[in-house]
C-alpha atoms as a PDB file:
ATOM      1  CA  MET A   1      -7.407  12.454  39.473  1.00  0.00           C
ATOM      2  CA  ASP A   2      -5.236   9.086  38.505  1.00  0.00           C
ATOM      3  CA  THR A   3      -3.751   8.722  35.494  1.00  0.00           C
ATOM      4  CA  VAL A   4      -5.957   5.698  33.741  1.00  0.00           C
ATOM      5  CA  ASN A   5      -9.961   8.304  34.553  1.00  0.00           C
ATOM      6  CA  HIS A   6      -7.844  11.252  33.573  1.00  0.00           C
ATOM      7  CA  TYR A   7      -7.416   9.480  30.449  1.00  0.00           C
ATOM      8  CA  ILE A   8     -10.848   7.680  30.259  1.00  0.00           C
ATOM      9  CA  ALA A   9     -12.379  11.575  31.222  1.00  0.00           C
ATOM     10  CA  THR A  10     -10.609  13.309  28.442  1.00  0.00           C
ATOM     11  CA  LEU A  11     -11.205  10.745  25.445  1.00  0.00           C
ATOM     12  CA  LYS A  12     -14.927  10.824  26.044  1.00  0.00           C
ATOM     13  CA  ILE A  13     -15.123  14.956  26.387  1.00  0.00           C
ATOM     14  CA  VAL A  14     -12.952  14.817  22.752  1.00  0.00           C
ATOM     15  CA  LEU A  15     -15.628  11.896  21.572  1.00  0.00           C
ATOM     16  CA  ASP A  16     -18.447  14.092  22.504  1.00  0.00           C
ATOM     17  CA  GLN A  17     -16.735  16.515  19.704  1.00  0.00           C
ATOM     18  CA  LEU A  18     -16.160  15.365  17.016  1.00  0.00           C
ATOM     19  CA  ASP A  19     -18.440  15.732  13.717  1.00  0.00           C
ATOM     20  CA  VAL A  20     -21.233  13.320  13.352  1.00  0.00           C
ATOM     21  CA  SER A  21     -22.120  15.215  10.030  1.00  0.00           C
ATOM     22  CA  LEU A  22     -18.964  15.273   8.434  1.00  0.00           C
ATOM     23  CA  ILE A  23     -18.072  11.138   9.454  1.00  0.00           C
ATOM     24  CA  ASN A  24     -21.394  10.431   7.812  1.00  0.00           C
ATOM     25  CA  GLU A  25     -20.622  12.455   4.762  1.00  0.00           C
ATOM     26  CA  ALA A  26     -17.007  10.610   4.656  1.00  0.00           C
ATOM     27  CA  VAL A  27     -18.683   7.289   5.119  1.00  0.00           C
ATOM     28  CA  ASN A  28     -21.280   8.048   1.722  1.00  0.00           C
ATOM     29  CA  VAL A  29     -17.827   9.045  -0.077  1.00  0.00           C
ATOM     30  CA  LEU A  30     -17.115   5.691   0.513  1.00  0.00           C
ATOM     31  CA  HIS A  31     -20.356   3.946  -0.204  1.00  0.00           C
ATOM     32  CA  GLN A  32     -20.530   5.761  -3.856  1.00  0.00           C
ATOM     33  CA  ALA A  33     -16.852   4.354  -3.977  1.00  0.00           C
ATOM     34  CA  ARG A  34     -18.148   0.988  -3.739  1.00  0.00           C
ATOM     35  CA  LEU A  35     -21.555   1.629  -5.220  1.00  0.00           C
ATOM     36  CA  ASN A  36     -19.105   2.923  -8.958  1.00  0.00           C
ATOM     37  CA  GLN A  37     -16.104   0.554  -8.088  1.00  0.00           C
ATOM     38  CA  ARG A  38     -13.623   3.327  -7.309  1.00  0.00           C
ATOM     39  CA  GLN A  39     -10.912   2.445  -6.033  1.00  0.00           C
ATOM     40  CA  VAL A  40      -9.370   3.603  -2.506  1.00  0.00           C
ATOM     41  CA  PHE A  41      -6.318   4.158  -1.111  1.00  0.00           C
ATOM     42  CA  ILE A  42      -5.391   4.979   2.288  1.00  0.00           C
ATOM     43  CA  MET A  43      -2.283   5.615   4.285  1.00  0.00           C
ATOM     44  CA  GLY A  44      -0.513   7.072   7.005  1.00  0.00           C
ATOM     45  CA  ASN A  45       3.594   6.541   8.848  1.00  0.00           C
ATOM     46  CA  GLY A  46       4.153   4.926  12.154  1.00  0.00           C
ATOM     47  CA  GLY A  47       1.214   4.304  14.199  1.00  0.00           C
ATOM     48  CA  SER A  48      -1.277   5.694  11.285  1.00  0.00           C
ATOM     49  CA  ALA A  49      -0.105   3.616   8.955  1.00  0.00           C
ATOM     50  CA  SER A  50      -1.041   0.549  11.486  1.00  0.00           C
ATOM     51  CA  THR A  51      -4.044   2.268  11.790  1.00  0.00           C
ATOM     52  CA  ALA A  52      -4.542   2.655   7.992  1.00  0.00           C
ATOM     53  CA  THR A  53      -3.498  -1.211   7.430  1.00  0.00           C
ATOM     54  CA  HIS A  54      -5.805  -1.868   9.931  1.00  0.00           C
ATOM     55  CA  MET A  55      -8.415  -0.154   8.178  1.00  0.00           C
ATOM     56  CA  VAL A  56      -7.895  -1.896   4.472  1.00  0.00           C
ATOM     57  CA  CYS A  57      -8.096  -4.802   6.282  1.00  0.00           C
ATOM     58  CA  ASP A  58     -11.704  -3.958   8.007  1.00  0.00           C
ATOM     59  CA  LEU A  59     -13.046  -1.740   5.015  1.00  0.00           C
ATOM     60  CA  ALA A  60     -11.886  -4.549   2.764  1.00  0.00           C
ATOM     61  CA  LYS A  61     -13.368  -7.684   4.566  1.00  0.00           C
ATOM     62  CA  ASN A  62     -16.259  -6.857   6.676  1.00  0.00           C
ATOM     63  CA  THR A  63     -17.957  -4.602   4.471  1.00  0.00           C
ATOM     64  CA  ARG A  64     -18.608  -6.973   2.273  1.00  0.00           C
ATOM     65  CA  ARG A  65     -22.684  -8.284   1.860  1.00  0.00           C
ATOM     66  CA  PRO A  66     -24.219 -11.060   0.107  1.00  0.00           C
ATOM     67  CA  GLY A  67     -24.838  -9.031  -3.928  1.00  0.00           C
ATOM     68  CA  SER A  68     -23.032  -5.691  -3.375  1.00  0.00           C
ATOM     69  CA  PRO A  69     -20.211  -4.602  -4.289  1.00  0.00           C
ATOM     70  CA  PHE A  70     -17.229  -5.189  -2.796  1.00  0.00           C
ATOM     71  CA  LEU A  71     -15.444  -2.133  -1.560  1.00  0.00           C
ATOM     72  CA  ARG A  72     -11.954  -2.060  -3.388  1.00  0.00           C
ATOM     73  CA  VAL A  73      -9.780  -0.857  -0.726  1.00  0.00           C
ATOM     74  CA  ILE A  74      -5.315  -0.442  -1.356  1.00  0.00           C
ATOM     75  CA  GLY A  75      -3.071   0.257   1.978  1.00  0.00           C
ATOM     76  CA  LEU A  76       0.429   1.983   0.428  1.00  0.00           C
ATOM     77  CA  THR A  77       2.258   1.568   3.741  1.00  0.00           C
ATOM     78  CA  ASP A  78       2.047  -2.318   3.253  1.00  0.00           C
ATOM     79  CA  ASN A  79       4.312  -3.176   0.847  1.00  0.00           C
ATOM     80  CA  MET A  80       7.673  -2.672   2.313  1.00  0.00           C
ATOM     81  CA  ALA A  81       9.562  -3.263  -0.778  1.00  0.00           C
ATOM     82  CA  ILE A  82       8.196  -0.395  -2.973  1.00  0.00           C
ATOM     83  CA  LEU A  83       7.943   1.829  -0.416  1.00  0.00           C
ATOM     84  CA  SER A  84      12.471   1.430   0.918  1.00  0.00           C
ATOM     85  CA  ALA A  85      12.746   1.165  -3.021  1.00  0.00           C
ATOM     86  CA  TYR A  86      11.029   4.590  -3.390  1.00  0.00           C
ATOM     87  CA  ALA A  87      12.116   5.998  -0.411  1.00  0.00           C
ATOM     88  CA  ASN A  88      15.844   4.883  -0.874  1.00  0.00           C
ATOM     89  CA  ASP A  89      15.525   6.512  -4.590  1.00  0.00           C
ATOM     90  CA  GLU A  90      13.488   9.643  -4.802  1.00  0.00           C
ATOM     91  CA  GLY A  91      13.101  10.506  -0.964  1.00  0.00           C
ATOM     92  CA  TYR A  92      10.452   9.481   2.044  1.00  0.00           C
ATOM     93  CA  GLU A  93       8.469  12.294   1.377  1.00  0.00           C
ATOM     94  CA  ASN A  94       7.526  10.347  -2.168  1.00  0.00           C
ATOM     95  CA  VAL A  95       6.857   7.031  -0.992  1.00  0.00           C
ATOM     96  CA  PHE A  96       3.131   7.680  -1.222  1.00  0.00           C
ATOM     97  CA  ALA A  97       2.757   9.837  -4.367  1.00  0.00           C
ATOM     98  CA  GLN A  98       4.839   7.518  -6.458  1.00  0.00           C
ATOM     99  CA  GLN A  99       2.705   4.518  -5.236  1.00  0.00           C
ATOM    100  CA  LEU A 100      -0.534   6.318  -6.268  1.00  0.00           C
ATOM    101  CA  ALA A 101       1.096   8.082  -9.792  1.00  0.00           C
ATOM    102  CA  ASN A 102       1.009   4.273 -10.159  1.00  0.00           C
ATOM    103  CA  LEU A 103      -2.678   3.887 -10.215  1.00  0.00           C
ATOM    104  CA  ILE A 104      -5.418   6.519  -9.666  1.00  0.00           C
ATOM    105  CA  ARG A 105      -7.868   7.438 -11.644  1.00  0.00           C
ATOM    106  CA  PRO A 106     -10.607  10.736 -11.089  1.00  0.00           C
ATOM    107  CA  ASP A 107     -12.933   9.862  -8.170  1.00  0.00           C
ATOM    108  CA  ASP A 108     -11.113   7.558  -6.932  1.00  0.00           C
ATOM    109  CA  VAL A 109     -10.660   7.923  -3.126  1.00  0.00           C
ATOM    110  CA  VAL A 110      -7.784   8.503  -1.127  1.00  0.00           C
ATOM    111  CA  ILE A 111      -7.274   8.871   2.550  1.00  0.00           C
ATOM    112  CA  GLY A 112      -4.271  10.326   4.608  1.00  0.00           C
ATOM    113  CA  ILE A 113      -3.994   9.447   7.921  1.00  0.00           C
ATOM    114  CA  SER A 114      -1.610  11.897   9.911  1.00  0.00           C
ATOM    115  CA  THR A 115      -1.654  12.628  14.005  1.00  0.00           C
ATOM    116  CA  SER A 116      -0.142  16.209  12.810  1.00  0.00           C
ATOM    117  CA  GLY A 117      -1.565  17.210   9.476  1.00  0.00           C
ATOM    118  CA  LYS A 118       2.081  18.086   8.795  1.00  0.00           C
ATOM    119  CA  SER A 119       3.367  14.306   7.317  1.00  0.00           C
ATOM    120  CA  PRO A 120       5.497  15.225   3.956  1.00  0.00           C
ATOM    121  CA  ASN A 121       4.302  12.374   2.584  1.00  0.00           C
ATOM    122  CA  VAL A 122       1.145  12.718   3.280  1.00  0.00           C
ATOM    123  CA  LEU A 123       0.577  15.830   2.109  1.00  0.00           C
ATOM    124  CA  ARG A 124       2.514  14.915  -1.474  1.00  0.00           C
ATOM    125  CA  ALA A 125       0.006  12.137  -2.158  1.00  0.00           C
ATOM    126  CA  ILE A 126      -2.985  14.528  -0.988  1.00  0.00           C
ATOM    127  CA  GLU A 127      -1.718  17.423  -3.113  1.00  0.00           C
ATOM    128  CA  LEU A 128      -1.501  14.824  -6.280  1.00  0.00           C
ATOM    129  CA  ALA A 129      -5.037  12.971  -5.020  1.00  0.00           C
ATOM    130  CA  ASN A 130      -6.170  16.559  -5.641  1.00  0.00           C
ATOM    131  CA  GLU A 131      -4.712  16.863  -9.274  1.00  0.00           C
ATOM    132  CA  VAL A 132      -5.806  13.748 -10.671  1.00  0.00           C
ATOM    133  CA  GLY A 133      -9.714  14.493  -9.294  1.00  0.00           C
ATOM    134  CA  ALA A 134      -9.479  11.831  -6.574  1.00  0.00           C
ATOM    135  CA  VAL A 135     -11.724  12.873  -3.396  1.00  0.00           C
ATOM    136  CA  THR A 136      -9.790  13.355  -0.886  1.00  0.00           C
ATOM    137  CA  ILE A 137     -10.442  12.463   2.746  1.00  0.00           C
ATOM    138  CA  GLY A 138      -8.001  13.106   5.746  1.00  0.00           C
ATOM    139  CA  LEU A 139      -7.632  11.658   9.378  1.00  0.00           C
ATOM    140  CA  THR A 140      -6.278  14.170  11.323  1.00  0.00           C
ATOM    141  CA  GLY A 141      -5.313  15.404  15.138  1.00  0.00           C
ATOM    142  CA  PHE A 142      -3.664  18.039  17.020  1.00  0.00           C
ATOM    143  CA  ASP A 143      -4.716  21.908  14.953  1.00  0.00           C
ATOM    144  CA  ALA A 144      -5.021  19.340  11.449  1.00  0.00           C
ATOM    145  CA  GLY A 145      -1.575  20.889  10.278  1.00  0.00           C
ATOM    146  CA  LEU A 146      -1.332  21.642   6.398  1.00  0.00           C
ATOM    147  CA  LEU A 147      -3.736  18.872   5.510  1.00  0.00           C
ATOM    148  CA  GLY A 148      -6.700  19.657   7.249  1.00  0.00           C
ATOM    149  CA  PRO A 149      -7.308  22.172   4.850  1.00  0.00           C
ATOM    150  CA  MET A 150      -6.082  20.479   1.587  1.00  0.00           C
ATOM    151  CA  VAL A 151      -8.613  17.463   1.705  1.00  0.00           C
ATOM    152  CA  ASP A 152     -12.578  17.706   1.235  1.00  0.00           C
ATOM    153  CA  TYR A 153     -13.257  15.831   4.152  1.00  0.00           C
ATOM    154  CA  ASN A 154     -10.934  16.586   7.166  1.00  0.00           C
ATOM    155  CA  LEU A 155     -12.595  14.001  10.026  1.00  0.00           C
ATOM    156  CA  HIS A 156     -10.071  16.199  12.798  1.00  0.00           C
ATOM    157  CA  VAL A 157     -10.135  14.643  16.115  1.00  0.00           C
ATOM    158  CA  PRO A 158      -9.990  17.729  18.189  1.00  0.00           C
ATOM    159  CA  SER A 159      -6.880  17.141  20.474  1.00  0.00           C
ATOM    160  CA  ASP A 160      -3.052  17.713  21.240  1.00  0.00           C
ATOM    161  CA  CYS A 161      -3.102  14.055  22.801  1.00  0.00           C
ATOM    162  CA  ILE A 162      -1.156  11.376  20.538  1.00  0.00           C
ATOM    163  CA  GLU A 163      -2.385   8.535  21.998  1.00  0.00           C
ATOM    164  CA  HIS A 164      -6.707  10.446  21.545  1.00  0.00           C
ATOM    165  CA  VAL A 165      -5.763  11.145  18.450  1.00  0.00           C
ATOM    166  CA  GLU A 166      -4.493   7.857  17.392  1.00  0.00           C
ATOM    167  CA  ASP A 167      -7.351   6.304  19.399  1.00  0.00           C
ATOM    168  CA  LEU A 168     -10.234   7.518  17.519  1.00  0.00           C
ATOM    169  CA  HIS A 169      -8.731   7.779  14.326  1.00  0.00           C
ATOM    170  CA  LEU A 170      -8.728   4.149  15.133  1.00  0.00           C
ATOM    171  CA  MET A 171     -12.983   4.076  15.716  1.00  0.00           C
ATOM    172  CA  LEU A 172     -13.626   6.066  13.032  1.00  0.00           C
ATOM    173  CA  GLY A 173     -12.066   2.729  10.880  1.00  0.00           C
ATOM    174  CA  HIS A 174     -14.641   0.929  13.108  1.00  0.00           C
ATOM    175  CA  LEU A 175     -17.459   3.233  12.530  1.00  0.00           C
ATOM    176  CA  MET A 176     -17.027   3.697   8.866  1.00  0.00           C
ATOM    177  CA  THR A 177     -16.749  -0.635   8.344  1.00  0.00           C
ATOM    178  CA  THR A 178     -19.702  -0.932  10.139  1.00  0.00           C
ATOM    179  CA  ALA A 179     -21.978   2.193   8.999  1.00  0.00           C
ATOM    180  CA  LEU A 180     -21.005   0.722   5.639  1.00  0.00           C
ATOM    181  CA  ARG A 181     -21.805  -2.558   6.329  1.00  0.00           C
ATOM    182  CA  GLU A 182     -25.183  -1.658   7.205  1.00  0.00           C
ATOM    183  CA  MET A 183     -25.654   0.385   4.485  1.00  0.00           C
ATOM    184  CA  ALA A 184     -25.012  -2.503   2.116  1.00  0.00           C
ATOM    185  CA  ALA A 185     -27.467  -4.833   4.215  1.00  0.00           C
ATOM    186  CA  GLN A 186     -30.391  -1.731   3.218  1.00  0.00           C
ATOM    187  CA  GLN A 187     -29.556  -1.828  -0.256  1.00  0.00           C
ATOM    188  CA  ASN A 188     -29.972  -5.497  -0.117  1.00  0.00           C
ATOM    189  CA  ASP A 189     -32.724  -5.600   1.309  1.00  0.00           C
ATOM    190  CA  PHE A 190     -34.452  -2.745  -0.765  1.00  0.00           C
ATOM    191  CA  HIS A 191     -33.541  -4.539  -3.850  1.00  0.00           C
ATOM    192  CA  TYR A 192     -34.988  -8.021  -2.809  1.00  0.00           C
ATOM    193  CA  ALA A 193     -38.385  -6.004  -1.420  1.00  0.00           C
ATOM    194  CA  ILE A 194     -38.818  -4.202  -5.080  1.00  0.00           C
END
């Protein structure tokens, strides 16, 4: 089998193994965060930083519906000045936790994206979020590392292929955005029907 066909065939196998009920639970957490005006924070490193940025954009813009509250989303990977200041002065392992320390409140939502589940800066931020009483969601791959057991909802991509994991993390962001937009539309339809 050539590389292209093999890549697509194995990606389909991994896609079929995703835990749909857990994904629905995570979507509901984000929907409740929107309804209750909770803040959502998203972070990751490298390719996962790009996924985090993309997810922030989609969740903030593409879930808006007239008559529904906006989803309040902040990307912890997007301010290079603060990221480099914390990295330089307090260590790279603290770049996300120190940003969260200024902003997080109980019942906020923190999403950590790590293909290996072993990124020290993501783990420290999730640890802080758990201490504060935030709801935590992880997007992981491989064996989920330390991140999987630390979060309330582990959206695990069961693959050892980093490209497959990153593909499906991006897809999960798109899926959650679509579901949240539809939930807002249904809620508005319900209000108009009353």
